[in-house]
Every structure is written in C-alpha cells, then in structure tokens.
Amino acid sequence: LSRSTLHLDVEHIFSCGHLLISHIRNRLTGQISNILLCVGLWRQLGLVRDKDIQSVMSLSNVNGKCNELDDG
C-alpha cells in the first residue's frame, strides 16, 4: 500500500511539474521550479493566500534575481 501511495505521489508531482515547466518556461532553474511547486502546494493547503503572494511580488526590492540557497 505504501509503495503504491508513493508511486501516486510521484506521478502527481511529475504531472504538476509538467504544468509548471512547459516548453514556455523551459529556462526556469531547478531551484525556482522547487519554490514554485512548494508555494503552489502551500496555497492549495491554505497556508499561503493569493493576496500574500501578490504583496510579496509588489515589493520594490524584489528584483527577479535569486540568491542560491543551500541544499537541504
């Protein structure tokens, strides 16, 4: 049972990733892709609200550049 659940989780993540990383967004880094998947999941779980995301995106110091995060 746990193996089939894991398999379904992987398929779901792959499916979500395909929607996120299409031929249109093929220049996203792995780190940005992971961030987008996490924020999307947090939004689905109600941990992050749309207005919170919009507030962060409208900050003047958001320049579109990301510092590399440590693995882990």
PDB file of N, CA and C in Angstrom:
ATOM      1  N   LEU A   1       0.826  -1.202   0.000  1.00  0.00           N
ATOM      2  CA  LEU A   1       0.000   0.000   0.000  1.00  0.00           C
ATOM      3  C   LEU A   1       0.859   1.251   0.000  1.00  0.00           C
ATOM      4  N   SER A   2       1.894   1.291   0.838  1.00  0.00           N
ATOM      5  CA  SER A   2       2.718   2.497   0.891  1.00  0.00           C
ATOM      6  C   SER A   2       3.487   2.707  -0.412  1.00  0.00           C
ATOM      7  N   ARG A   3       3.874   1.617  -1.059  1.00  0.00           N
ATOM      8  CA  ARG A   3       4.584   1.758  -2.322  1.00  0.00           C
ATOM      9  C   ARG A   3       3.680   2.357  -3.387  1.00  0.00           C
ATOM     10  N   SER A   4       2.432   1.919  -3.473  1.00  0.00           N
ATOM     11  CA  SER A   4       1.519   2.472  -4.470  1.00  0.00           C
ATOM     12  C   SER A   4       1.187   3.925  -4.153  1.00  0.00           C
ATOM     13  N   THR A   5       1.111   4.266  -2.870  1.00  0.00           N
ATOM     14  CA  THR A   5       0.870   5.653  -2.488  1.00  0.00           C
ATOM     15  C   THR A   5       2.040   6.518  -2.915  1.00  0.00           C
ATOM     16  N   LEU A   6       3.250   6.040  -2.680  1.00  0.00           N
ATOM     17  CA  LEU A   6       4.440   6.778  -3.091  1.00  0.00           C
ATOM     18  C   LEU A   6       4.449   6.956  -4.602  1.00  0.00           C
ATOM     19  N   HIS A   7       4.100   5.904  -5.324  1.00  0.00           N
ATOM     20  CA  HIS A   7       4.064   5.962  -6.784  1.00  0.00           C
ATOM     21  C   HIS A   7       3.072   7.020  -7.244  1.00  0.00           C
ATOM     22  N   LEU A   8       1.904   7.064  -6.624  1.00  0.00           N
ATOM     23  CA  LEU A   8       0.904   8.060  -6.993  1.00  0.00           C
ATOM     24  C   LEU A   8       1.385   9.465  -6.668  1.00  0.00           C
ATOM     25  N   ASP A   9       2.069   9.640  -5.536  1.00  0.00           N
ATOM     26  CA  ASP A   9       2.603  10.949  -5.178  1.00  0.00           C
ATOM     27  C   ASP A   9       3.619  11.419  -6.213  1.00  0.00           C
ATOM     28  N   VAL A  10       4.490  10.523  -6.640  1.00  0.00           N
ATOM     29  CA  VAL A  10       5.493  10.876  -7.643  1.00  0.00           C
ATOM     30  C   VAL A  10       4.819  11.243  -8.953  1.00  0.00           C
ATOM     31  N   GLU A  11       3.822  10.475  -9.361  1.00  0.00           N
ATOM     32  CA  GLU A  11       3.099  10.792 -10.590  1.00  0.00           C
ATOM     33  C   GLU A  11       2.413  12.146 -10.485  1.00  0.00           C
ATOM     34  N   HIS A  12       1.829  12.441  -9.333  1.00  0.00           N
ATOM     35  CA  HIS A  12       1.154  13.723  -9.134  1.00  0.00           C
ATOM     36  C   HIS A  12       2.149  14.875  -9.224  1.00  0.00           C
ATOM     37  N   ILE A  13       3.297  14.722  -8.572  1.00  0.00           N
ATOM     38  CA  ILE A  13       4.324  15.767  -8.609  1.00  0.00           C
ATOM     39  C   ILE A  13       4.839  15.950 -10.031  1.00  0.00           C
ATOM     40  N   PHE A  14       5.067  14.850 -10.738  1.00  0.00           N
ATOM     41  CA  PHE A  14       5.524  14.944 -12.118  1.00  0.00           C
ATOM     42  C   PHE A  14       4.491  15.666 -12.973  1.00  0.00           C
ATOM     43  N   SER A  15       3.225  15.346 -12.765  1.00  0.00           N
ATOM     44  CA  SER A  15       2.157  15.988 -13.519  1.00  0.00           C
ATOM     45  C   SER A  15       2.111  17.481 -13.234  1.00  0.00           C
ATOM     46  N   CYS A  16       2.215  17.847 -11.960  1.00  0.00           N
ATOM     47  CA  CYS A  16       2.224  19.270 -11.597  1.00  0.00           C
ATOM     48  C   CYS A  16       3.443  19.959 -12.189  1.00  0.00           C
ATOM     49  N   GLY A  17       4.563  19.283 -12.159  1.00  0.00           N
ATOM     50  CA  GLY A  17       5.780  19.848 -12.726  1.00  0.00           C
ATOM     51  C   GLY A  17       5.654  20.080 -14.216  1.00  0.00           C
ATOM     52  N   HIS A  18       4.993  19.168 -14.907  1.00  0.00           N
ATOM     53  CA  HIS A  18       4.791  19.334 -16.346  1.00  0.00           C
ATOM     54  C   HIS A  18       3.952  20.573 -16.626  1.00  0.00           C
ATOM     55  N   LEU A  19       2.952  20.816 -15.807  1.00  0.00           N
ATOM     56  CA  LEU A  19       2.141  22.012 -15.992  1.00  0.00           C
ATOM     57  C   LEU A  19       2.955  23.268 -15.715  1.00  0.00           C
ATOM     58  N   LEU A  20       3.870  23.187 -14.789  1.00  0.00           N
ATOM     59  CA  LEU A  20       4.689  24.330 -14.411  1.00  0.00           C
ATOM     60  C   LEU A  20       5.843  24.542 -15.379  1.00  0.00           C
ATOM     61  N   ILE A  21       6.512  23.463 -15.730  1.00  0.00           N
ATOM     62  CA  ILE A  21       7.711  23.557 -16.559  1.00  0.00           C
ATOM     63  C   ILE A  21       7.363  23.089 -17.967  1.00  0.00           C
ATOM     64  N   SER A  22       6.702  23.922 -18.674  1.00  0.00           N
ATOM     65  CA  SER A  22       6.312  23.596 -20.039  1.00  0.00           C
ATOM     66  C   SER A  22       7.384  24.116 -20.994  1.00  0.00           C
ATOM     67  N   HIS A  23       7.140  23.973 -22.267  1.00  0.00           N
ATOM     68  CA  HIS A  23       8.077  24.497 -23.259  1.00  0.00           C
ATOM     69  C   HIS A  23       8.162  26.016 -23.183  1.00  0.00           C
ATOM     70  N   ILE A  24       7.160  26.650 -22.591  1.00  0.00           N
ATOM     71  CA  ILE A  24       7.154  28.107 -22.455  1.00  0.00           C
ATOM     72  C   ILE A  24       8.110  28.544 -21.350  1.00  0.00           C
ATOM     73  N   ARG A  25       8.206  27.759 -20.284  1.00  0.00           N
ATOM     74  CA  ARG A  25       9.023  28.127 -19.127  1.00  0.00           C
ATOM     75  C   ARG A  25      10.245  27.227 -18.999  1.00  0.00           C
ATOM     76  N   ASN A  26      10.864  26.912 -20.095  1.00  0.00           N
ATOM     77  CA  ASN A  26      11.956  25.943 -20.053  1.00  0.00           C
ATOM     78  C   ASN A  26      13.263  26.515 -19.525  1.00  0.00           C
ATOM     79  N   ARG A  27      13.323  27.783 -19.186  1.00  0.00           N
ATOM     80  CA  ARG A  27      14.552  28.373 -18.660  1.00  0.00           C
ATOM     81  C   ARG A  27      14.527  28.528 -17.140  1.00  0.00           C
ATOM     82  N   LEU A  28      13.509  27.998 -16.492  1.00  0.00           N
ATOM     83  CA  LEU A  28      13.467  28.057 -15.033  1.00  0.00           C
ATOM     84  C   LEU A  28      14.554  27.161 -14.450  1.00  0.00           C
ATOM     85  N   THR A  29      15.199  27.638 -13.401  1.00  0.00           N
ATOM     86  CA  THR A  29      16.196  26.802 -12.733  1.00  0.00           C
ATOM     87  C   THR A  29      15.480  25.761 -11.881  1.00  0.00           C
ATOM     88  N   GLY A  30      16.203  24.750 -11.480  1.00  0.00           N
ATOM     89  CA  GLY A  30      15.628  23.732 -10.600  1.00  0.00           C
ATOM     90  C   GLY A  30      15.162  24.328  -9.291  1.00  0.00           C
ATOM     91  N   GLN A  31      15.934  25.282  -8.781  1.00  0.00           N
ATOM     92  CA  GLN A  31      15.585  25.913  -7.506  1.00  0.00           C
ATOM     93  C   GLN A  31      14.272  26.692  -7.626  1.00  0.00           C
ATOM     94  N   ILE A  32      14.114  27.461  -8.691  1.00  0.00           N
ATOM     95  CA  ILE A  32      12.877  28.223  -8.890  1.00  0.00           C
ATOM     96  C   ILE A  32      11.707  27.269  -9.086  1.00  0.00           C
ATOM     97  N   SER A  33      11.916  26.192  -9.821  1.00  0.00           N
ATOM     98  CA  SER A  33      10.852  25.202 -10.021  1.00  0.00           C
ATOM     99  C   SER A  33      10.400  24.619  -8.691  1.00  0.00           C
ATOM    100  N   ASN A  34      11.353  24.278  -7.820  1.00  0.00           N
ATOM    101  CA  ASN A  34      11.014  23.748  -6.494  1.00  0.00           C
ATOM    102  C   ASN A  34      10.245  24.770  -5.672  1.00  0.00           C
ATOM    103  N   ILE A  35      10.672  26.017  -5.724  1.00  0.00           N
ATOM    104  CA  ILE A  35       9.987  27.074  -4.975  1.00  0.00           C
ATOM    105  C   ILE A  35       8.551  27.215  -5.461  1.00  0.00           C
ATOM    106  N   LEU A  36       8.359  27.237  -6.770  1.00  0.00           N
ATOM    107  CA  LEU A  36       7.008  27.385  -7.315  1.00  0.00           C
ATOM    108  C   LEU A  36       6.116  26.204  -6.944  1.00  0.00           C
ATOM    109  N   LEU A  37       6.661  24.993  -6.983  1.00  0.00           N
ATOM    110  CA  LEU A  37       5.877  23.822  -6.585  1.00  0.00           C
ATOM    111  C   LEU A  37       5.491  23.901  -5.110  1.00  0.00           C
ATOM    112  N   CYS A  38       6.426  24.320  -4.262  1.00  0.00           N
ATOM    113  CA  CYS A  38       6.134  24.434  -2.822  1.00  0.00           C
ATOM    114  C   CYS A  38       5.081  25.496  -2.552  1.00  0.00           C
ATOM    115  N   VAL A  39       5.244  26.661  -3.141  1.00  0.00           N
ATOM    116  CA  VAL A  39       4.273  27.738  -2.914  1.00  0.00           C
ATOM    117  C   VAL A  39       2.897  27.319  -3.425  1.00  0.00           C
ATOM    118  N   GLY A  40       2.857  26.639  -4.569  1.00  0.00           N
ATOM    119  CA  GLY A  40       1.581  26.157  -5.085  1.00  0.00           C
ATOM    120  C   GLY A  40       0.913  25.168  -4.141  1.00  0.00           C
ATOM    121  N   LEU A  41       1.702  24.264  -3.565  1.00  0.00           N
ATOM    122  CA  LEU A  41       1.159  23.300  -2.605  1.00  0.00           C
ATOM    123  C   LEU A  41       0.689  24.011  -1.342  1.00  0.00           C
ATOM    124  N   TRP A  42       1.489  24.952  -0.842  1.00  0.00           N
ATOM    125  CA  TRP A  42       1.103  25.700   0.359  1.00  0.00           C
ATOM    126  C   TRP A  42      -0.191  26.466   0.108  1.00  0.00           C
ATOM    127  N   ARG A  43      -0.353  26.979  -1.112  1.00  0.00           N
ATOM    128  CA  ARG A  43      -1.587  27.698  -1.466  1.00  0.00           C
ATOM    129  C   ARG A  43      -2.779  26.742  -1.446  1.00  0.00           C
ATOM    130  N   GLN A  44      -2.611  25.553  -2.005  1.00  0.00           N
ATOM    131  CA  GLN A  44      -3.690  24.563  -2.010  1.00  0.00           C
ATOM    132  C   GLN A  44      -4.075  24.158  -0.598  1.00  0.00           C
ATOM    133  N   LEU A  45      -3.112  24.094   0.299  1.00  0.00           N
ATOM    134  CA  LEU A  45      -3.368  23.701   1.686  1.00  0.00           C
ATOM    135  C   LEU A  45      -3.884  24.855   2.536  1.00  0.00           C
ATOM    136  N   GLY A  46      -3.953  26.038   1.956  1.00  0.00           N
ATOM    137  CA  GLY A  46      -4.443  27.198   2.694  1.00  0.00           C
ATOM    138  C   GLY A  46      -3.403  27.843   3.588  1.00  0.00           C
ATOM    139  N   LEU A  47      -2.139  27.477   3.406  1.00  0.00           N
ATOM    140  CA  LEU A  47      -1.070  28.048   4.223  1.00  0.00           C
ATOM    141  C   LEU A  47      -0.605  29.400   3.690  1.00  0.00           C
ATOM    142  N   VAL A  48      -0.842  29.654   2.414  1.00  0.00           N
ATOM    143  CA  VAL A  48      -0.475  30.913   1.771  1.00  0.00           C
ATOM    144  C   VAL A  48      -1.692  31.402   1.005  1.00  0.00           C
ATOM    145  N   ARG A  49      -1.973  32.681   1.133  1.00  0.00           N
ATOM    146  CA  ARG A  49      -3.114  33.262   0.420  1.00  0.00           C
ATOM    147  C   ARG A  49      -2.630  34.017  -0.814  1.00  0.00           C
ATOM    148  N   ASP A  50      -3.499  34.118  -1.816  1.00  0.00           N
ATOM    149  CA  ASP A  50      -3.147  34.822  -3.045  1.00  0.00           C
ATOM    150  C   ASP A  50      -2.704  36.250  -2.759  1.00  0.00           C
ATOM    151  N   LYS A  51      -3.406  36.912  -1.847  1.00  0.00           N
ATOM    152  CA  LYS A  51      -3.053  38.312  -1.578  1.00  0.00           C
ATOM    153  C   LYS A  51      -1.670  38.424  -0.942  1.00  0.00           C
ATOM    154  N   ASP A  52      -1.248  37.396  -0.184  1.00  0.00           N
ATOM    155  CA  ASP A  52       0.102  37.398   0.388  1.00  0.00           C
ATOM    156  C   ASP A  52       1.157  37.286  -0.715  1.00  0.00           C
ATOM    157  N   ILE A  53       0.902  36.421  -1.669  1.00  0.00           N
ATOM    158  CA  ILE A  53       1.829  36.254  -2.793  1.00  0.00           C
ATOM    159  C   ILE A  53       1.906  37.544  -3.594  1.00  0.00           C
ATOM    160  N   GLN A  54       0.752  38.158  -3.852  1.00  0.00           N
ATOM    161  CA  GLN A  54       0.723  39.410  -4.601  1.00  0.00           C
ATOM    162  C   GLN A  54       1.446  40.520  -3.852  1.00  0.00           C
ATOM    163  N   SER A  55       1.314  40.547  -2.532  1.00  0.00           N
ATOM    164  CA  SER A  55       2.004  41.559  -1.725  1.00  0.00           C
ATOM    165  C   SER A  55       3.516  41.419  -1.849  1.00  0.00           C
ATOM    166  N   VAL A  56       3.997  40.195  -1.789  1.00  0.00           N
ATOM    167  CA  VAL A  56       5.441  39.967  -1.907  1.00  0.00           C
ATOM    168  C   VAL A  56       5.930  40.354  -3.298  1.00  0.00           C
ATOM    169  N   MET A  57       5.172  39.999  -4.316  1.00  0.00           N
ATOM    170  CA  MET A  57       5.591  40.298  -5.682  1.00  0.00           C
ATOM    171  C   MET A  57       5.596  41.794  -5.980  1.00  0.00           C
ATOM    172  N   SER A  58       4.830  42.571  -5.231  1.00  0.00           N
ATOM    173  CA  SER A  58       4.772  44.009  -5.486  1.00  0.00           C
ATOM    174  C   SER A  58       5.798  44.799  -4.679  1.00  0.00           C
ATOM    175  N   LEU A  59       6.601  44.126  -3.856  1.00  0.00           N
ATOM    176  CA  LEU A  59       7.628  44.817  -3.082  1.00  0.00           C
ATOM    177  C   LEU A  59       8.668  45.426  -4.015  1.00  0.00           C
ATOM    178  N   SER A  60       9.123  46.608  -3.666  1.00  0.00           N
ATOM    179  CA  SER A  60      10.070  47.311  -4.531  1.00  0.00           C
ATOM    180  C   SER A  60      11.438  46.645  -4.581  1.00  0.00           C
ATOM    181  N   ASN A  61      11.796  45.887  -3.560  1.00  0.00           N
ATOM    182  CA  ASN A  61      13.121  45.264  -3.556  1.00  0.00           C
ATOM    183  C   ASN A  61      13.137  43.882  -4.195  1.00  0.00           C
ATOM    184  N   VAL A  62      12.036  43.448  -4.770  1.00  0.00           N
ATOM    185  CA  VAL A  62      12.013  42.179  -5.490  1.00  0.00           C
ATOM    186  C   VAL A  62      12.506  42.473  -6.898  1.00  0.00           C
ATOM    187  N   ASN A  63      13.680  41.978  -7.221  1.00  0.00           N
ATOM    188  CA  ASN A  63      14.294  42.325  -8.498  1.00  0.00           C
ATOM    189  C   ASN A  63      14.348  41.166  -9.484  1.00  0.00           C
ATOM    190  N   GLY A  64      13.750  40.061  -9.132  1.00  0.00           N
ATOM    191  CA  GLY A  64      13.739  38.917 -10.031  1.00  0.00           C
ATOM    192  C   GLY A  64      14.989  38.065  -9.966  1.00  0.00           C
ATOM    193  N   LYS A  65      15.972  38.506  -9.190  1.00  0.00           N
ATOM    194  CA  LYS A  65      17.198  37.725  -9.041  1.00  0.00           C
ATOM    195  C   LYS A  65      17.128  36.950  -7.738  1.00  0.00           C
ATOM    196  N   CYS A  66      17.626  35.736  -7.762  1.00  0.00           N
ATOM    197  CA  CYS A  66      17.588  34.887  -6.572  1.00  0.00           C
ATOM    198  C   CYS A  66      18.999  34.528  -6.158  1.00  0.00           C
ATOM    199  N   ASN A  67      19.230  34.557  -4.879  1.00  0.00           N
ATOM    200  CA  ASN A  67      20.481  34.037  -4.345  1.00  0.00           C
ATOM    201  C   ASN A  67      20.337  32.534  -4.212  1.00  0.00           C
ATOM    202  N   GLU A  68      21.401  31.820  -4.467  1.00  0.00           N
ATOM    203  CA  GLU A  68      21.363  30.366  -4.328  1.00  0.00           C
ATOM    204  C   GLU A  68      21.140  29.988  -2.873  1.00  0.00           C
ATOM    205  N   LEU A  69      20.266  29.030  -2.653  1.00  0.00           N
ATOM    206  CA  LEU A  69      20.019  28.518  -1.315  1.00  0.00           C
ATOM    207  C   LEU A  69      20.876  27.284  -1.087  1.00  0.00           C
ATOM    208  N   ASP A  70      21.232  27.048   0.158  1.00  0.00           N
ATOM    209  CA  ASP A  70      21.963  25.834   0.499  1.00  0.00           C
ATOM    210  C   ASP A  70      21.062  24.630   0.300  1.00  0.00           C
ATOM    211  N   ASP A  71      21.627  23.523  -0.158  1.00  0.00           N
ATOM    212  CA  ASP A  71      20.853  22.290  -0.279  1.00  0.00           C
ATOM    213  C   ASP A  71      20.474  21.799   1.103  1.00  0.00           C
ATOM    214  N   GLY A  72      19.274  21.220   1.177  1.00  0.00           N
ATOM    215  CA  GLY A  72      18.860  20.658   2.454  1.00  0.00           C
ATOM    216  C   GLY A  72      17.627  21.182   2.888  1.00  0.00           C
TER     217      GLY A  72
END
